[in-house]
């Protein structure tokens, strides 16, 4: 898959998730960094000494030139995939 297509997936996912989660009150975040790795399902961005791996949604769209070594700004929301509770102490 071409890098532009993969980044397009990321942007669309970000827009779709941010719109869907605003009603639930989820906060959106942004990161700007250098693309160090990109596949059809994720993008890795280096910001200072920190590397962030972000999953890509299949419907994502991009603007600009997105390729390895490019500086990009990604807007995303945090989404839980699993929540486990523990027994609460009785009052």
N, C-alpha and C. Protein backbone atom coordinates (compact mmCIF):
# COMPACT_ATOMS: atom_id res chain seq x y z
N UNK A 1 0.85 -1.18 0.00
CA UNK A 1 0.00 0.00 0.00
C UNK A 1 0.89 1.23 0.00
N UNK A 2 0.56 2.21 -0.79
CA UNK A 2 1.37 3.43 -0.85
C UNK A 2 1.26 4.19 0.46
N UNK A 3 2.30 4.95 0.79
CA UNK A 3 2.31 5.71 2.03
C UNK A 3 1.21 6.75 2.09
N UNK A 4 0.94 7.41 0.96
CA UNK A 4 -0.13 8.41 0.96
C UNK A 4 -1.47 7.77 1.26
N UNK A 5 -1.70 6.58 0.74
CA UNK A 5 -2.95 5.88 1.00
C UNK A 5 -3.05 5.53 2.48
N UNK A 6 -1.95 5.04 3.05
CA UNK A 6 -1.97 4.66 4.46
C UNK A 6 -2.21 5.88 5.34
N UNK A 7 -1.57 6.99 5.03
CA UNK A 7 -1.78 8.18 5.84
C UNK A 7 -3.18 8.71 5.64
N UNK A 8 -3.71 8.54 4.45
CA UNK A 8 -5.09 8.93 4.20
C UNK A 8 -6.02 8.16 5.13
N UNK A 9 -5.70 6.90 5.36
CA UNK A 9 -6.49 6.09 6.28
C UNK A 9 -6.42 6.67 7.68
N UNK A 10 -5.26 7.12 8.10
CA UNK A 10 -5.09 7.69 9.44
C UNK A 10 -5.91 8.95 9.61
N UNK A 11 -5.86 9.84 8.66
CA UNK A 11 -6.59 11.10 8.77
C UNK A 11 -8.09 10.86 8.83
N UNK A 12 -8.61 9.96 8.01
CA UNK A 12 -10.04 9.67 8.02
C UNK A 12 -10.46 9.06 9.34
N UNK A 13 -9.65 8.16 9.87
CA UNK A 13 -9.96 7.54 11.16
C UNK A 13 -10.01 8.60 12.23
N UNK A 14 -9.06 9.50 12.17
CA UNK A 14 -9.01 10.56 13.16
C UNK A 14 -10.27 11.42 13.09
N UNK A 15 -10.68 11.78 11.88
CA UNK A 15 -11.88 12.59 11.73
C UNK A 15 -13.12 11.83 12.15
N UNK A 16 -13.21 10.58 11.74
CA UNK A 16 -14.38 9.78 12.09
C UNK A 16 -14.47 9.57 13.59
N UNK A 17 -13.36 9.21 14.19
CA UNK A 17 -13.36 8.97 15.63
C UNK A 17 -13.60 10.24 16.41
N UNK A 18 -13.00 11.34 16.00
CA UNK A 18 -13.19 12.58 16.75
C UNK A 18 -14.64 13.03 16.68
N UNK A 19 -15.28 12.91 15.54
CA UNK A 19 -16.67 13.30 15.42
C UNK A 19 -17.58 12.39 16.22
N UNK A 20 -17.31 11.11 16.20
CA UNK A 20 -18.15 10.16 16.92
C UNK A 20 -17.97 10.27 18.42
N UNK A 21 -16.79 10.61 18.86
CA UNK A 21 -16.53 10.64 20.29
C UNK A 21 -16.78 11.98 20.93
N UNK A 22 -16.96 13.05 20.17
CA UNK A 22 -17.25 14.34 20.77
C UNK A 22 -18.53 14.26 21.60
N UNK A 23 -19.51 13.52 21.12
CA UNK A 23 -20.76 13.39 21.86
C UNK A 23 -20.52 12.72 23.20
N UNK A 24 -19.57 11.83 23.25
CA UNK A 24 -19.25 11.13 24.49
C UNK A 24 -18.26 11.92 25.34
N UNK A 25 -17.73 13.01 24.81
CA UNK A 25 -16.83 13.84 25.58
C UNK A 25 -15.36 13.47 25.48
N UNK A 26 -14.98 12.63 24.54
CA UNK A 26 -13.58 12.25 24.39
C UNK A 26 -12.76 13.44 23.90
N UNK A 27 -11.57 13.56 24.42
CA UNK A 27 -10.67 14.65 24.07
C UNK A 27 -9.86 14.26 22.83
N UNK A 28 -9.61 15.22 21.95
CA UNK A 28 -8.75 14.97 20.81
C UNK A 28 -7.34 15.46 21.15
N UNK A 29 -6.36 14.82 20.54
CA UNK A 29 -4.95 15.13 20.76
C UNK A 29 -4.28 15.33 19.41
N UNK A 30 -3.14 16.01 19.42
CA UNK A 30 -2.34 16.18 18.20
C UNK A 30 -0.89 15.88 18.54
N UNK A 31 -0.20 15.32 17.57
CA UNK A 31 1.23 15.12 17.68
C UNK A 31 1.85 15.52 16.35
N UNK A 32 2.96 16.24 16.42
CA UNK A 32 3.72 16.60 15.22
C UNK A 32 5.09 15.98 15.35
N UNK A 33 5.49 15.26 14.33
CA UNK A 33 6.79 14.60 14.36
C UNK A 33 7.18 14.09 12.99
N UNK A 34 8.26 13.34 12.96
CA UNK A 34 8.80 12.80 11.72
C UNK A 34 8.36 11.35 11.53
N UNK A 35 7.87 11.02 10.36
CA UNK A 35 7.44 9.66 10.06
C UNK A 35 8.68 8.77 9.97
N UNK A 36 8.73 7.74 10.83
CA UNK A 36 9.85 6.81 10.82
C UNK A 36 9.48 5.44 10.27
N UNK A 37 8.19 5.13 10.29
CA UNK A 37 7.71 3.85 9.75
C UNK A 37 6.25 4.02 9.37
N UNK A 38 5.85 3.32 8.31
CA UNK A 38 4.46 3.40 7.89
C UNK A 38 4.09 2.12 7.17
N UNK A 39 2.98 1.54 7.58
CA UNK A 39 2.44 0.35 6.91
C UNK A 39 0.99 0.64 6.58
N UNK A 40 0.29 -0.33 6.07
CA UNK A 40 -1.12 -0.15 5.76
C UNK A 40 -1.99 -0.04 6.99
N UNK A 41 -1.46 -0.43 8.15
CA UNK A 41 -2.28 -0.43 9.36
C UNK A 41 -1.77 0.47 10.48
N UNK A 42 -0.58 1.06 10.34
CA UNK A 42 -0.07 1.94 11.39
C UNK A 42 0.94 2.93 10.85
N UNK A 43 1.16 3.99 11.63
CA UNK A 43 2.19 4.98 11.33
C UNK A 43 2.98 5.19 12.62
N UNK A 44 4.29 5.31 12.48
CA UNK A 44 5.15 5.58 13.63
C UNK A 44 5.78 6.95 13.43
N UNK A 45 5.64 7.80 14.46
CA UNK A 45 6.13 9.17 14.40
C UNK A 45 7.11 9.39 15.54
N UNK A 46 8.25 10.00 15.22
CA UNK A 46 9.27 10.34 16.21
C UNK A 46 9.11 11.80 16.59
N UNK A 47 8.89 12.05 17.90
CA UNK A 47 8.79 13.41 18.42
C UNK A 47 9.83 13.51 19.54
N UNK A 48 10.93 14.17 19.25
CA UNK A 48 12.02 14.22 20.23
C UNK A 48 12.57 12.82 20.43
N UNK A 49 12.61 12.36 21.67
CA UNK A 49 13.10 11.01 21.96
C UNK A 49 11.97 10.00 22.03
N UNK A 50 10.74 10.46 21.85
CA UNK A 50 9.57 9.58 21.98
C UNK A 50 9.08 9.12 20.61
N UNK A 51 8.78 7.81 20.50
CA UNK A 51 8.18 7.25 19.29
C UNK A 51 6.74 6.88 19.60
N UNK A 52 5.83 7.30 18.75
CA UNK A 52 4.42 6.98 18.92
C UNK A 52 3.96 6.13 17.75
N UNK A 53 3.33 4.99 18.05
CA UNK A 53 2.73 4.13 17.03
C UNK A 53 1.23 4.36 17.08
N UNK A 54 0.66 4.71 15.94
CA UNK A 54 -0.77 4.99 15.88
C UNK A 54 -1.40 4.11 14.81
N UNK A 55 -2.45 3.39 15.20
CA UNK A 55 -3.17 2.54 14.25
C UNK A 55 -3.90 3.39 13.23
N UNK A 56 -4.01 2.87 12.01
CA UNK A 56 -4.68 3.56 10.92
C UNK A 56 -6.04 2.94 10.65
N UNK A 57 -7.04 3.77 10.47
CA UNK A 57 -8.38 3.32 10.11
C UNK A 57 -8.44 3.16 8.59
N UNK A 58 -9.14 2.16 8.09
CA UNK A 58 -9.22 1.94 6.65
C UNK A 58 -9.84 3.09 5.85
N UNK A 59 -10.58 3.98 6.49
CA UNK A 59 -11.26 5.06 5.77
C UNK A 59 -10.55 6.40 5.86
N UNK A 60 -9.34 6.42 6.35
CA UNK A 60 -8.61 7.67 6.60
C UNK A 60 -8.23 8.39 5.30
N UNK A 61 -8.21 9.71 5.35
CA UNK A 61 -7.80 10.54 4.20
C UNK A 61 -6.70 11.50 4.65
N UNK A 62 -5.82 11.85 3.75
CA UNK A 62 -4.71 12.74 4.09
C UNK A 62 -4.65 13.94 3.17
N UNK A 63 -3.86 14.91 3.60
CA UNK A 63 -3.53 16.04 2.74
C UNK A 63 -2.02 16.22 2.80
N UNK A 64 -1.45 16.77 1.76
CA UNK A 64 -0.01 17.00 1.75
C UNK A 64 0.79 15.77 1.40
N UNK A 65 2.11 15.91 1.53
CA UNK A 65 3.05 14.85 1.17
C UNK A 65 3.42 14.05 2.41
N UNK A 66 2.91 12.83 2.50
CA UNK A 66 3.16 11.97 3.66
C UNK A 66 4.02 10.81 3.20
N UNK A 67 5.26 10.79 3.71
CA UNK A 67 6.19 9.71 3.36
C UNK A 67 7.22 9.60 4.46
N UNK A 68 8.05 8.57 4.41
CA UNK A 68 9.10 8.41 5.41
C UNK A 68 9.98 9.65 5.44
N UNK A 69 10.27 10.14 6.65
CA UNK A 69 11.10 11.32 6.81
C UNK A 69 10.34 12.63 6.79
N UNK A 70 9.07 12.59 6.39
CA UNK A 70 8.26 13.81 6.34
C UNK A 70 7.80 14.21 7.74
N UNK A 71 7.62 15.50 7.94
CA UNK A 71 7.03 15.99 9.19
C UNK A 71 5.53 16.05 9.00
N UNK A 72 4.80 15.42 9.93
CA UNK A 72 3.35 15.35 9.84
C UNK A 72 2.72 15.77 11.16
N UNK A 73 1.49 16.21 11.10
CA UNK A 73 0.69 16.47 12.29
C UNK A 73 -0.49 15.51 12.25
N UNK A 74 -0.64 14.74 13.32
CA UNK A 74 -1.70 13.74 13.41
C UNK A 74 -2.67 14.16 14.51
N UNK A 75 -3.95 14.15 14.20
CA UNK A 75 -4.98 14.39 15.20
C UNK A 75 -5.62 13.04 15.51
N UNK A 76 -5.75 12.73 16.79
CA UNK A 76 -6.27 11.42 17.18
C UNK A 76 -7.04 11.52 18.49
N UNK A 77 -7.77 10.46 18.81
CA UNK A 77 -8.44 10.32 20.10
C UNK A 77 -7.98 9.01 20.71
N UNK A 78 -8.00 8.94 22.03
CA UNK A 78 -7.67 7.69 22.70
C UNK A 78 -8.94 6.86 22.79
N UNK A 79 -8.80 5.57 22.56
CA UNK A 79 -9.95 4.67 22.55
C UNK A 79 -9.58 3.38 23.27
N UNK A 80 -10.38 2.99 24.24
CA UNK A 80 -10.12 1.76 24.99
C UNK A 80 -10.53 0.55 24.18
N UNK A 81 -9.74 -0.51 24.27
CA UNK A 81 -10.10 -1.77 23.63
C UNK A 81 -10.52 -2.80 24.66
N UNK A 82 -10.23 -2.55 25.95
CA UNK A 82 -10.61 -3.48 27.00
C UNK A 82 -10.57 -2.73 28.34
N UNK A 83 -11.54 -3.02 29.20
CA UNK A 83 -11.56 -2.44 30.54
C UNK A 83 -11.84 -3.58 31.51
N UNK A 84 -10.98 -3.73 32.51
CA UNK A 84 -11.15 -4.76 33.54
C UNK A 84 -11.29 -4.10 34.89
N UNK A 85 -12.29 -4.47 35.63
CA UNK A 85 -12.50 -3.93 36.97
C UNK A 85 -12.05 -4.95 38.01
N UNK A 86 -11.87 -4.45 39.21
CA UNK A 86 -11.55 -5.35 40.32
C UNK A 86 -12.65 -5.22 41.36
N UNK A 87 -12.74 -6.17 42.25
CA UNK A 87 -13.77 -6.15 43.29
C UNK A 87 -13.58 -4.91 44.17
N UNK A 88 -14.63 -4.12 44.30
CA UNK A 88 -14.57 -2.91 45.12
C UNK A 88 -14.75 -3.28 46.58
N UNK A 89 -14.10 -2.52 47.44
CA UNK A 89 -14.22 -2.75 48.88
C UNK A 89 -15.64 -2.40 49.32
N UNK A 90 -16.22 -3.20 50.19
CA UNK A 90 -17.58 -2.96 50.69
C UNK A 90 -17.57 -1.78 51.64
N UNK A 91 -18.56 -0.94 51.51
CA UNK A 91 -18.62 0.26 52.37
C UNK A 91 -19.28 -0.03 53.70
